[in-house]
Amino acid sequence: MKITFVKKILADGSPCRKCGDVQQRLDESGQIDHIDEVLIADERDADSPGMRLAAELGVARAPFFVVEDGGERRVYTVYFKFAKEVLGGGEGKASDAARDILDDNPDLDYV
């Protein structure tokens, strides 16, 4: 199994806030050890490795994870779902998971 983590650099050169949050969670939990490759999707460079992969997969949000296993390729845009399904880590507060889902689905709103 190969796991690729794609994080974004914004057009103004600053790192994506959500990408930084996910990176911190990966580092603090030790899950970063399971990541085989980290790619940068630089909004200032459409040819950056992360931007090319995002275009190839039709992914419009970052961060995201690509899991390649036995010829199958799965894309995760929600960290908590990725951690639970791929890394077996169900840790994290429900409110964090809900915030990730809302961030990933702008058509939804808080009730």
PDB file of N, CA and C in Angstrom:
ATOM      1  N   MET A   1       0.859  -1.179   0.000  1.00  0.00           N
ATOM      2  CA  MET A   1       0.000   0.000   0.000  1.00  0.00           C
ATOM      3  C   MET A   1       0.899   1.233   0.000  1.00  0.00           C
ATOM      4  N   LYS A   2       0.513   2.220  -0.803  1.00  0.00           N
ATOM      5  CA  LYS A   2       1.224   3.497  -0.861  1.00  0.00           C
ATOM      6  C   LYS A   2       0.241   4.606  -0.512  1.00  0.00           C
ATOM      7  N   ILE A   3       0.656   5.489   0.400  1.00  0.00           N
ATOM      8  CA  ILE A   3      -0.187   6.606   0.817  1.00  0.00           C
ATOM      9  C   ILE A   3       0.510   7.908   0.467  1.00  0.00           C
ATOM     10  N   THR A   4      -0.199   8.753  -0.267  1.00  0.00           N
ATOM     11  CA  THR A   4       0.293  10.072  -0.636  1.00  0.00           C
ATOM     12  C   THR A   4      -0.567  11.130   0.038  1.00  0.00           C
ATOM     13  N   PHE A   5       0.084  12.090   0.671  1.00  0.00           N
ATOM     14  CA  PHE A   5      -0.568  13.216   1.348  1.00  0.00           C
ATOM     15  C   PHE A   5      -0.299  14.452   0.495  1.00  0.00           C
ATOM     16  N   VAL A   6      -1.356  15.138   0.083  1.00  0.00           N
ATOM     17  CA  VAL A   6      -1.216  16.341  -0.736  1.00  0.00           C
ATOM     18  C   VAL A   6      -1.694  17.538   0.071  1.00  0.00           C
ATOM     19  N   LYS A   7      -0.787  18.511   0.220  1.00  0.00           N
ATOM     20  CA  LYS A   7      -1.149  19.744   0.929  1.00  0.00           C
ATOM     21  C   LYS A   7      -0.883  20.933   0.015  1.00  0.00           C
ATOM     22  N   LYS A   8      -1.553  22.045   0.319  1.00  0.00           N
ATOM     23  CA  LYS A   8      -1.597  23.166  -0.609  1.00  0.00           C
ATOM     24  C   LYS A   8      -0.848  24.393  -0.089  1.00  0.00           C
ATOM     25  N   ILE A   9      -0.244  25.107  -1.042  1.00  0.00           N
ATOM     26  CA  ILE A   9       0.299  26.438  -0.813  1.00  0.00           C
ATOM     27  C   ILE A   9      -0.630  27.387  -1.569  1.00  0.00           C
ATOM     28  N   LEU A  10      -1.153  28.382  -0.880  1.00  0.00           N
ATOM     29  CA  LEU A  10      -2.104  29.318  -1.481  1.00  0.00           C
ATOM     30  C   LEU A  10      -1.418  30.275  -2.456  1.00  0.00           C
ATOM     31  N   ALA A  11      -2.201  30.953  -3.252  1.00  0.00           N
ATOM     32  CA  ALA A  11      -1.689  31.858  -4.280  1.00  0.00           C
ATOM     33  C   ALA A  11      -0.806  32.956  -3.705  1.00  0.00           C
ATOM     34  N   ASP A  12      -1.046  33.352  -2.450  1.00  0.00           N
ATOM     35  CA  ASP A  12      -0.219  34.395  -1.825  1.00  0.00           C
ATOM     36  C   ASP A  12       1.055  33.831  -1.202  1.00  0.00           C
ATOM     37  N   GLY A  13       1.281  32.520  -1.350  1.00  0.00           N
ATOM     38  CA  GLY A  13       2.485  31.884  -0.830  1.00  0.00           C
ATOM     39  C   GLY A  13       2.353  31.326   0.575  1.00  0.00           C
ATOM     40  N   SER A  14       1.217  31.549   1.205  1.00  0.00           N
ATOM     41  CA  SER A  14       1.031  31.051   2.567  1.00  0.00           C
ATOM     42  C   SER A  14       0.521  29.610   2.540  1.00  0.00           C
ATOM     43  N   PRO A  15       0.828  28.861   3.604  1.00  0.00           N
ATOM     44  CA  PRO A  15       0.327  27.485   3.650  1.00  0.00           C
ATOM     45  C   PRO A  15      -1.168  27.454   3.950  1.00  0.00           C
ATOM     46  N   CYS A  16      -1.831  26.464   3.436  1.00  0.00           N
ATOM     47  CA  CYS A  16      -3.253  26.245   3.688  1.00  0.00           C
ATOM     48  C   CYS A  16      -3.453  25.940   5.174  1.00  0.00           C
ATOM     49  N   ARG A  17      -4.372  26.625   5.838  1.00  0.00           N
ATOM     50  CA  ARG A  17      -4.611  26.444   7.268  1.00  0.00           C
ATOM     51  C   ARG A  17      -5.036  25.017   7.590  1.00  0.00           C
ATOM     52  N   LYS A  18      -5.985  24.504   6.840  1.00  0.00           N
ATOM     53  CA  LYS A  18      -6.484  23.150   7.084  1.00  0.00           C
ATOM     54  C   LYS A  18      -5.374  22.123   6.862  1.00  0.00           C
ATOM     55  N   CYS A  19      -4.527  22.363   5.863  1.00  0.00           N
ATOM     56  CA  CYS A  19      -3.406  21.456   5.598  1.00  0.00           C
ATOM     57  C   CYS A  19      -2.452  21.435   6.785  1.00  0.00           C
ATOM     58  N   GLY A  20      -2.209  22.607   7.364  1.00  0.00           N
ATOM     59  CA  GLY A  20      -1.357  22.696   8.543  1.00  0.00           C
ATOM     60  C   GLY A  20      -1.946  21.951   9.724  1.00  0.00           C
ATOM     61  N   ASP A  21      -3.255  22.069   9.899  1.00  0.00           N
ATOM     62  CA  ASP A  21      -3.936  21.349  10.989  1.00  0.00           C
ATOM     63  C   ASP A  21      -3.791  19.837  10.826  1.00  0.00           C
ATOM     64  N   VAL A  22      -3.993  19.360   9.609  1.00  0.00           N
ATOM     65  CA  VAL A  22      -3.889  17.923   9.346  1.00  0.00           C
ATOM     66  C   VAL A  22      -2.442  17.463   9.531  1.00  0.00           C
ATOM     67  N   GLN A  23      -1.485  18.254   9.048  1.00  0.00           N
ATOM     68  CA  GLN A  23      -0.074  17.910   9.233  1.00  0.00           C
ATOM     69  C   GLN A  23       0.253  17.776  10.721  1.00  0.00           C
ATOM     70  N   GLN A  24      -0.251  18.702  11.525  1.00  0.00           N
ATOM     71  CA  GLN A  24      -0.015  18.660  12.971  1.00  0.00           C
ATOM     72  C   GLN A  24      -0.614  17.392  13.590  1.00  0.00           C
ATOM     73  N   ARG A  25      -1.829  17.043  13.191  1.00  0.00           N
ATOM     74  CA  ARG A  25      -2.461  15.813  13.700  1.00  0.00           C
ATOM     75  C   ARG A  25      -1.639  14.574  13.327  1.00  0.00           C
ATOM     76  N   LEU A  26      -1.170  14.544  12.088  1.00  0.00           N
ATOM     77  CA  LEU A  26      -0.355  13.413  11.637  1.00  0.00           C
ATOM     78  C   LEU A  26       0.935  13.314  12.444  1.00  0.00           C
ATOM     79  N   ASP A  27       1.584  14.455  12.668  1.00  0.00           N
ATOM     80  CA  ASP A  27       2.839  14.473  13.412  1.00  0.00           C
ATOM     81  C   ASP A  27       2.639  14.056  14.866  1.00  0.00           C
ATOM     82  N   GLU A  28       1.634  14.644  15.520  1.00  0.00           N
ATOM     83  CA  GLU A  28       1.405  14.385  16.942  1.00  0.00           C
ATOM     84  C   GLU A  28       0.972  12.951  17.218  1.00  0.00           C
ATOM     85  N   SER A  29       0.261  12.355  16.281  1.00  0.00           N
ATOM     86  CA  SER A  29      -0.238  10.991  16.479  1.00  0.00           C
ATOM     87  C   SER A  29       0.758   9.922  16.021  1.00  0.00           C
ATOM     88  N   GLY A  30       1.800  10.344  15.326  1.00  0.00           N
ATOM     89  CA  GLY A  30       2.748   9.387  14.766  1.00  0.00           C
ATOM     90  C   GLY A  30       2.274   8.779  13.459  1.00  0.00           C
ATOM     91  N   GLN A  31       1.108   9.190  12.993  1.00  0.00           N
ATOM     92  CA  GLN A  31       0.567   8.652  11.736  1.00  0.00           C
ATOM     93  C   GLN A  31       1.395   9.068  10.531  1.00  0.00           C
ATOM     94  N   ILE A  32       2.186  10.112  10.686  1.00  0.00           N
ATOM     95  CA  ILE A  32       3.019  10.580   9.576  1.00  0.00           C
ATOM     96  C   ILE A  32       3.963   9.467   9.111  1.00  0.00           C
ATOM     97  N   ASP A  33       4.279   8.547  10.003  1.00  0.00           N
ATOM     98  CA  ASP A  33       5.159   7.423   9.652  1.00  0.00           C
ATOM     99  C   ASP A  33       4.534   6.500   8.609  1.00  0.00           C
ATOM    100  N   HIS A  34       3.216   6.570   8.444  1.00  0.00           N
ATOM    101  CA  HIS A  34       2.517   5.731   7.464  1.00  0.00           C
ATOM    102  C   HIS A  34       2.400   6.400   6.099  1.00  0.00           C
ATOM    103  N   ILE A  35       2.795   7.671   6.018  1.00  0.00           N
ATOM    104  CA  ILE A  35       2.703   8.424   4.769  1.00  0.00           C
ATOM    105  C   ILE A  35       3.972   8.172   3.964  1.00  0.00           C
ATOM    106  N   ASP A  36       3.798   7.698   2.731  1.00  0.00           N
ATOM    107  CA  ASP A  36       4.939   7.377   1.881  1.00  0.00           C
ATOM    108  C   ASP A  36       5.453   8.573   1.092  1.00  0.00           C
ATOM    109  N   GLU A  37       4.550   9.494   0.774  1.00  0.00           N
ATOM    110  CA  GLU A  37       4.931  10.625  -0.077  1.00  0.00           C
ATOM    111  C   GLU A  37       4.086  11.831   0.292  1.00  0.00           C
ATOM    112  N   VAL A  38       4.728  13.003   0.325  1.00  0.00           N
ATOM    113  CA  VAL A  38       4.018  14.259   0.547  1.00  0.00           C
ATOM    114  C   VAL A  38       4.247  15.123  -0.684  1.00  0.00           C
ATOM    115  N   LEU A  39       3.147  15.550  -1.303  1.00  0.00           N
ATOM    116  CA  LEU A  39       3.223  16.417  -2.477  1.00  0.00           C
ATOM    117  C   LEU A  39       2.643  17.775  -2.145  1.00  0.00           C
ATOM    118  N   ILE A  40       3.193  18.796  -2.783  1.00  0.00           N
ATOM    119  CA  ILE A  40       2.704  20.163  -2.605  1.00  0.00           C
ATOM    120  C   ILE A  40       1.897  20.561  -3.835  1.00  0.00           C
ATOM    121  N   ALA A  41       0.689  21.041  -3.582  1.00  0.00           N
ATOM    122  CA  ALA A  41      -0.154  21.611  -4.632  1.00  0.00           C
ATOM    123  C   ALA A  41      -0.031  23.131  -4.494  1.00  0.00           C
ATOM    124  N   ASP A  42       0.821  23.712  -5.298  1.00  0.00           N
ATOM    125  CA  ASP A  42       1.110  25.148  -5.215  1.00  0.00           C
ATOM    126  C   ASP A  42       0.205  25.885  -6.205  1.00  0.00           C
ATOM    127  N   GLU A  43      -0.704  26.689  -5.674  1.00  0.00           N
ATOM    128  CA  GLU A  43      -1.652  27.417  -6.531  1.00  0.00           C
ATOM    129  C   GLU A  43      -0.947  28.345  -7.517  1.00  0.00           C
ATOM    130  N   ARG A  44       0.294  28.702  -7.231  1.00  0.00           N
ATOM    131  CA  ARG A  44       1.046  29.594  -8.120  1.00  0.00           C
ATOM    132  C   ARG A  44       1.691  28.831  -9.273  1.00  0.00           C
ATOM    133  N   ASP A  45       1.639  27.494  -9.217  1.00  0.00           N
ATOM    134  CA  ASP A  45       2.294  26.661 -10.227  1.00  0.00           C
ATOM    135  C   ASP A  45       1.397  25.485 -10.593  1.00  0.00           C
ATOM    136  N   ALA A  46       0.663  25.620 -11.683  1.00  0.00           N
ATOM    137  CA  ALA A  46      -0.268  24.565 -12.104  1.00  0.00           C
ATOM    138  C   ALA A  46       0.456  23.264 -12.432  1.00  0.00           C
ATOM    139  N   ASP A  47       1.773  23.337 -12.607  1.00  0.00           N
ATOM    140  CA  ASP A  47       2.553  22.148 -12.936  1.00  0.00           C
ATOM    141  C   ASP A  47       3.215  21.525 -11.699  1.00  0.00           C
ATOM    142  N   SER A  48       2.913  22.049 -10.513  1.00  0.00           N
ATOM    143  CA  SER A  48       3.476  21.450  -9.294  1.00  0.00           C
ATOM    144  C   SER A  48       2.897  20.043  -9.142  1.00  0.00           C
ATOM    145  N   PRO A  49       3.656  19.132  -8.532  1.00  0.00           N
ATOM    146  CA  PRO A  49       3.204  17.733  -8.453  1.00  0.00           C
ATOM    147  C   PRO A  49       1.810  17.563  -7.833  1.00  0.00           C
ATOM    148  N   GLY A  50       1.518  18.295  -6.783  1.00  0.00           N
ATOM    149  CA  GLY A  50       0.213  18.177  -6.141  1.00  0.00           C
ATOM    150  C   GLY A  50      -0.923  18.696  -7.016  1.00  0.00           C
ATOM    151  N   MET A  51      -0.674  19.785  -7.742  1.00  0.00           N
ATOM    152  CA  MET A  51      -1.697  20.333  -8.637  1.00  0.00           C
ATOM    153  C   MET A  51      -1.960  19.379  -9.797  1.00  0.00           C
ATOM    154  N   ARG A  52      -0.894  18.766 -10.319  1.00  0.00           N
ATOM    155  CA  ARG A  52      -1.080  17.792 -11.416  1.00  0.00           C
ATOM    156  C   ARG A  52      -1.892  16.594 -10.936  1.00  0.00           C
ATOM    157  N   LEU A  53      -1.583  16.084  -9.729  1.00  0.00           N
ATOM    158  CA  LEU A  53      -2.319  14.935  -9.210  1.00  0.00           C
ATOM    159  C   LEU A  53      -3.777  15.303  -8.939  1.00  0.00           C
ATOM    160  N   ALA A  54      -3.999  16.486  -8.379  1.00  0.00           N
ATOM    161  CA  ALA A  54      -5.375  16.935  -8.114  1.00  0.00           C
ATOM    162  C   ALA A  54      -6.174  17.021  -9.419  1.00  0.00           C
ATOM    163  N   ALA A  55      -5.566  17.567 -10.455  1.00  0.00           N
ATOM    164  CA  ALA A  55      -6.248  17.670 -11.753  1.00  0.00           C
ATOM    165  C   ALA A  55      -6.537  16.285 -12.330  1.00  0.00           C
ATOM    166  N   GLU A  56      -5.567  15.392 -12.223  1.00  0.00           N
ATOM    167  CA  GLU A  56      -5.735  14.035 -12.737  1.00  0.00           C
ATOM    168  C   GLU A  56      -6.890  13.312 -12.044  1.00  0.00           C
ATOM    169  N   LEU A  57      -7.029  13.541 -10.735  1.00  0.00           N
ATOM    170  CA  LEU A  57      -8.057  12.852  -9.955  1.00  0.00           C
ATOM    171  C   LEU A  57      -9.362  13.636  -9.839  1.00  0.00           C
ATOM    172  N   GLY A  58      -9.361  14.887 -10.316  1.00  0.00           N
ATOM    173  CA  GLY A  58     -10.562  15.716 -10.220  1.00  0.00           C
ATOM    174  C   GLY A  58     -10.844  16.182  -8.801  1.00  0.00           C
ATOM    175  N   VAL A  59      -9.793  16.364  -8.012  1.00  0.00           N
ATOM    176  CA  VAL A  59      -9.941  16.814  -6.626  1.00  0.00           C
ATOM    177  C   VAL A  59      -9.766  18.328  -6.582  1.00  0.00           C
ATOM    178  N   ALA A  60     -10.721  19.017  -5.955  1.00  0.00           N
ATOM    179  CA  ALA A  60     -10.682  20.476  -5.905  1.00  0.00           C
ATOM    180  C   ALA A  60     -10.325  21.019  -4.534  1.00  0.00           C
ATOM    181  N   ARG A  61     -10.145  20.150  -3.534  1.00  0.00           N
ATOM    182  CA  ARG A  61      -9.877  20.605  -2.165  1.00  0.00           C
ATOM    183  C   ARG A  61      -8.609  19.973  -1.617  1.00  0.00           C
ATOM    184  N   ALA A  62      -7.986  20.693  -0.741  1.00  0.00           N
ATOM    185  CA  ALA A  62      -6.812  20.161  -0.054  1.00  0.00           C
ATOM    186  C   ALA A  62      -6.994  20.401   1.435  1.00  0.00           C
ATOM    187  N   PRO A  63      -6.385  19.600   2.244  1.00  0.00           N
ATOM    188  CA  PRO A  63      -5.520  18.490   1.895  1.00  0.00           C
ATOM    189  C   PRO A  63      -6.326  17.273   1.453  1.00  0.00           C
ATOM    190  N   PHE A  64      -5.626  16.361   0.787  1.00  0.00           N
ATOM    191  CA  PHE A  64      -6.262  15.087   0.466  1.00  0.00           C
ATOM    192  C   PHE A  64      -5.216  13.984   0.488  1.00  0.00           C
ATOM    193  N   PHE A  65      -5.714  12.762   0.556  1.00  0.00           N
ATOM    194  CA  PHE A  65      -4.863  11.579   0.627  1.00  0.00           C
ATOM    195  C   PHE A  65      -5.229  10.659  -0.529  1.00  0.00           C
ATOM    196  N   VAL A  66      -4.217  10.037  -1.123  1.00  0.00           N
ATOM    197  CA  VAL A  66      -4.435   9.037  -2.158  1.00  0.00           C
ATOM    198  C   VAL A  66      -3.836   7.734  -1.642  1.00  0.00           C
ATOM    199  N   VAL A  67      -4.672   6.715  -1.612  1.00  0.00           N
ATOM    200  CA  VAL A  67      -4.236   5.400  -1.153  1.00  0.00           C
ATOM    201  C   VAL A  67      -4.265   4.458  -2.347  1.00  0.00           C
ATOM    202  N   GLU A  68      -3.102   3.921  -2.676  1.00  0.00           N
ATOM    203  CA  GLU A  68      -2.979   2.968  -3.775  1.00  0.00           C
ATOM    204  C   GLU A  68      -2.698   1.600  -3.175  1.00  0.00           C
ATOM    205  N   ASP A  69      -3.561   0.646  -3.515  1.00  0.00           N
ATOM    206  CA  ASP A  69      -3.431  -0.691  -2.943  1.00  0.00           C
ATOM    207  C   ASP A  69      -3.918  -1.717  -3.956  1.00  0.00           C
ATOM    208  N   GLY A  70      -3.023  -2.559  -4.389  1.00  0.00           N
ATOM    209  CA  GLY A  70      -3.402  -3.622  -5.330  1.00  0.00           C
ATOM    210  C   GLY A  70      -4.017  -3.111  -6.613  1.00  0.00           C
ATOM    211  N   GLY A  71      -3.505  -2.014  -7.147  1.00  0.00           N
ATOM    212  CA  GLY A  71      -4.043  -1.458  -8.383  1.00  0.00           C
ATOM    213  C   GLY A  71      -5.260  -0.575  -8.182  1.00  0.00           C
ATOM    214  N   GLU A  72      -5.801  -0.554  -6.975  1.00  0.00           N
ATOM    215  CA  GLU A  72      -6.950   0.297  -6.664  1.00  0.00           C
ATOM    216  C   GLU A  72      -6.442   1.614  -6.085  1.00  0.00           C
ATOM    217  N   ARG A  73      -7.126   2.693  -6.439  1.00  0.00           N
ATOM    218  CA  ARG A  73      -6.750   4.028  -5.976  1.00  0.00           C
ATOM    219  C   ARG A  73      -7.963   4.668  -5.310  1.00  0.00           C
ATOM    220  N   ARG A  74      -7.807   5.024  -4.038  1.00  0.00           N
ATOM    221  CA  ARG A  74      -8.894   5.695  -3.312  1.00  0.00           C
ATOM    222  C   ARG A  74      -8.422   7.074  -2.883  1.00  0.00           C
ATOM    223  N   VAL A  75      -9.337   8.047  -2.960  1.00  0.00           N
ATOM    224  CA  VAL A  75      -9.034   9.424  -2.587  1.00  0.00           C
ATOM    225  C   VAL A  75      -9.863   9.781  -1.366  1.00  0.00           C
ATOM    226  N   TYR A  76      -9.203  10.399  -0.386  1.00  0.00           N
ATOM    227  CA  TYR A  76      -9.872  10.858   0.838  1.00  0.00           C
ATOM    228  C   TYR A  76      -9.634  12.350   0.976  1.00  0.00           C
ATOM    229  N   THR A  77     -10.714  13.111   1.107  1.00  0.00           N
ATOM    230  CA  THR A  77     -10.598  14.555   1.318  1.00  0.00           C
ATOM    231  C   THR A  77     -10.954  14.941   2.749  1.00  0.00           C
ATOM    232  N   VAL A  78     -11.356  13.970   3.552  1.00  0.00           N
ATOM    233  CA  VAL A  78     -11.672  14.213   4.962  1.00  0.00           C
ATOM    234  C   VAL A  78     -10.682  13.400   5.798  1.00  0.00           C
ATOM    235  N   TYR A  79      -9.850  14.100   6.555  1.00  0.00           N
ATOM    236  CA  TYR A  79      -8.804  13.456   7.350  1.00  0.00           C
ATOM    237  C   TYR A  79      -9.351  12.376   8.270  1.00  0.00           C
ATOM    238  N   PHE A  80     -10.421  12.645   9.009  1.00  0.00           N
ATOM    239  CA  PHE A  80     -10.925  11.680   9.986  1.00  0.00           C
ATOM    240  C   PHE A  80     -11.402  10.388   9.325  1.00  0.00           C
ATOM    241  N   LYS A  81     -12.003  10.511   8.162  1.00  0.00           N
ATOM    242  CA  LYS A  81     -12.430   9.315   7.428  1.00  0.00           C
ATOM    243  C   LYS A  81     -11.201   8.527   6.977  1.00  0.00           C
ATOM    244  N   PHE A  82     -10.192   9.228   6.468  1.00  0.00           N
ATOM    245  CA  PHE A  82      -8.951   8.581   6.066  1.00  0.00           C
ATOM    246  C   PHE A  82      -8.297   7.869   7.251  1.00  0.00           C
ATOM    247  N   ALA A  83      -8.176   8.571   8.375  1.00  0.00           N
ATOM    248  CA  ALA A  83      -7.526   7.999   9.558  1.00  0.00           C
ATOM    249  C   ALA A  83      -8.263   6.754  10.042  1.00  0.00           C
ATOM    250  N   LYS A  84      -9.581   6.813  10.046  1.00  0.00           N
ATOM    251  CA  LYS A  84     -10.373   5.685  10.539  1.00  0.00           C
ATOM    252  C   LYS A  84     -10.301   4.492   9.586  1.00  0.00           C
ATOM    253  N   GLU A  85     -10.514   4.743   8.300  1.00  0.00           N
ATOM    254  CA  GLU A  85     -10.610   3.648   7.334  1.00  0.00           C
ATOM    255  C   GLU A  85      -9.257   3.077   6.914  1.00  0.00           C
ATOM    256  N   VAL A  86      -8.235   3.914   6.870  1.00  0.00           N
ATOM    257  CA  VAL A  86      -6.944   3.454   6.359  1.00  0.00           C
ATOM    258  C   VAL A  86      -5.954   3.161   7.483  1.00  0.00           C
ATOM    259  N   LEU A  87      -5.882   4.054   8.450  1.00  0.00           N
ATOM    260  CA  LEU A  87      -4.894   3.906   9.513  1.00  0.00           C
ATOM    261  C   LEU A  87      -5.457   3.260  10.770  1.00  0.00           C
ATOM    262  N   GLY A  88      -6.776   3.073  10.788  1.00  0.00           N
ATOM    263  CA  GLY A  88      -7.395   2.454  11.953  1.00  0.00           C
ATOM    264  C   GLY A  88      -7.440   3.364  13.154  1.00  0.00           C
ATOM    265  N   GLY A  89      -7.253   4.647  12.930  1.00  0.00           N
ATOM    266  CA  GLY A  89      -7.263   5.611  14.035  1.00  0.00           C
ATOM    267  C   GLY A  89      -8.592   6.302  14.142  1.00  0.00           C
ATOM    268  N   GLY A  90      -9.389   5.915  15.095  1.00  0.00           N
ATOM    269  CA  GLY A  90     -10.687   6.546  15.287  1.00  0.00           C
ATOM    270  C   GLY A  90     -10.632   7.707  16.250  1.00  0.00           C
ATOM    271  N   GLU A  91      -9.396   8.108  16.630  1.00  0.00           N
ATOM    272  CA  GLU A  91      -9.292   9.176  17.614  1.00  0.00           C
ATOM    273  C   GLU A  91      -9.729  10.503  17.026  1.00  0.00           C
ATOM    274  N   GLY A  92      -9.970  11.435  17.881  1.00  0.00           N
ATOM    275  CA  GLY A  92     -10.434  12.752  17.471  1.00  0.00           C
ATOM    276  C   GLY A  92     -11.839  12.991  17.965  1.00  0.00           C
ATOM    277  N   LYS A  93     -12.122  14.241  18.215  1.00  0.00           N
ATOM    278  CA  LYS A  93     -13.438  14.612  18.714  1.00  0.00           C
ATOM    279  C   LYS A  93     -14.462  14.621  17.585  1.00  0.00           C
ATOM    280  N   ALA A  94     -15.682  14.319  17.928  1.00  0.00           N
ATOM    281  CA  ALA A  94     -16.762  14.332  16.932  1.00  0.00           C
ATOM    282  C   ALA A  94     -16.899  15.712  16.317  1.00  0.00           C
ATOM    283  N   SER A  95     -16.681  16.765  17.114  1.00  0.00           N
ATOM    284  CA  SER A  95     -16.807  18.123  16.586  1.00  0.00           C
ATOM    285  C   SER A  95     -15.745  18.402  15.525  1.00  0.00           C
ATOM    286  N   ASP A  96     -14.538  17.829  15.687  1.00  0.00           N
ATOM    287  CA  ASP A  96     -13.503  17.997  14.670  1.00  0.00           C
ATOM    288  C   ASP A  96     -13.902  17.300  13.370  1.00  0.00           C
ATOM    289  N   ALA A  97     -14.435  16.107  13.496  1.00  0.00           N
ATOM    290  CA  ALA A  97     -14.880  15.375  12.315  1.00  0.00           C
ATOM    291  C   ALA A  97     -16.012  16.126  11.615  1.00  0.00           C
ATOM    292  N   ALA A  98     -16.948  16.650  12.394  1.00  0.00           N
ATOM    293  CA  ALA A  98     -18.066  17.398  11.818  1.00  0.00           C
ATOM    294  C   ALA A  98     -17.561  18.653  11.112  1.00  0.00           C
ATOM    295  N   ARG A  99     -16.588  19.338  11.708  1.00  0.00           N
ATOM    296  CA  ARG A  99     -16.031  20.546  11.090  1.00  0.00           C
ATOM    297  C   ARG A  99     -15.360  20.193   9.766  1.00  0.00           C
ATOM    298  N   ASP A 100     -14.628  19.084   9.714  1.00  0.00           N
ATOM    299  CA  ASP A 100     -13.996  18.659   8.468  1.00  0.00           C
ATOM    300  C   ASP A 100     -15.037  18.368   7.392  1.00  0.00           C
ATOM    301  N   ILE A 101     -16.110  17.704   7.778  1.00  0.00           N
ATOM    302  CA  ILE A 101     -17.168  17.384   6.814  1.00  0.00           C
ATOM    303  C   ILE A 101     -17.821  18.667   6.303  1.00  0.00           C
ATOM    304  N   LEU A 102     -18.099  19.614   7.189  1.00  0.00           N
ATOM    305  CA  LEU A 102     -18.692  20.880   6.768  1.00  0.00           C
ATOM    306  C   LEU A 102     -17.740  21.670   5.883  1.00  0.00           C
ATOM    307  N   ASP A 103     -16.453  21.676   6.231  1.00  0.00           N
ATOM    308  CA  ASP A 103     -15.466  22.368   5.398  1.00  0.00           C
ATOM    309  C   ASP A 103     -15.400  21.761   4.011  1.00  0.00           C
ATOM    310  N   ASP A 104     -15.567  20.452   3.940  1.00  0.00           N
ATOM    311  CA  ASP A 104     -15.461  19.746   2.669  1.00  0.00           C
ATOM    312  C   ASP A 104     -16.741  19.829   1.839  1.00  0.00           C
ATOM    313  N   ASN A 105     -17.832  20.277   2.462  1.00  0.00           N
ATOM    314  CA  ASN A 105     -19.132  20.368   1.781  1.00  0.00           C
ATOM    315  C   ASN A 105     -19.746  21.739   2.034  1.00  0.00           C
ATOM    316  N   PRO A 106     -19.325  22.752   1.276  1.00  0.00           N
ATOM    317  CA  PRO A 106     -19.794  24.115   1.527  1.00  0.00           C
ATOM    318  C   PRO A 106     -21.312  24.301   1.359  1.00  0.00           C
ATOM    319  N   ASP A 107     -21.971  23.345   0.718  1.00  0.00           N
ATOM    320  CA  ASP A 107     -23.421  23.437   0.552  1.00  0.00           C
ATOM    321  C   ASP A 107     -24.152  23.098   1.842  1.00  0.00           C
ATOM    322  N   LEU A 108     -23.445  22.498   2.809  1.00  0.00           N
ATOM    323  CA  LEU A 108     -24.037  22.196   4.107  1.00  0.00           C
ATOM    324  C   LEU A 108     -23.812  23.365   5.045  1.00  0.00           C
ATOM    325  N   ASP A 109     -24.593  23.437   6.102  1.00  0.00           N
ATOM    326  CA  ASP A 109     -24.423  24.513   7.074  1.00  0.00           C
ATOM    327  C   ASP A 109     -24.726  23.974   8.467  1.00  0.00           C
ATOM    328  N   TYR A 110     -24.260  24.689   9.455  1.00  0.00           N
ATOM    329  CA  TYR A 110     -24.557  24.291  10.843  1.00  0.00           C
ATOM    330  C   TYR A 110     -26.043  24.393  11.102  1.00  0.00           C
ATOM    331  N   VAL A 111     -26.562  23.527  11.952  1.00  0.00           N
ATOM    332  CA  VAL A 111     -27.973  23.553  12.312  1.00  0.00           C
ATOM    333  C   VAL A 111     -28.121  24.172  13.669  1.00  0.00           C
TER     334      VAL A 111
END
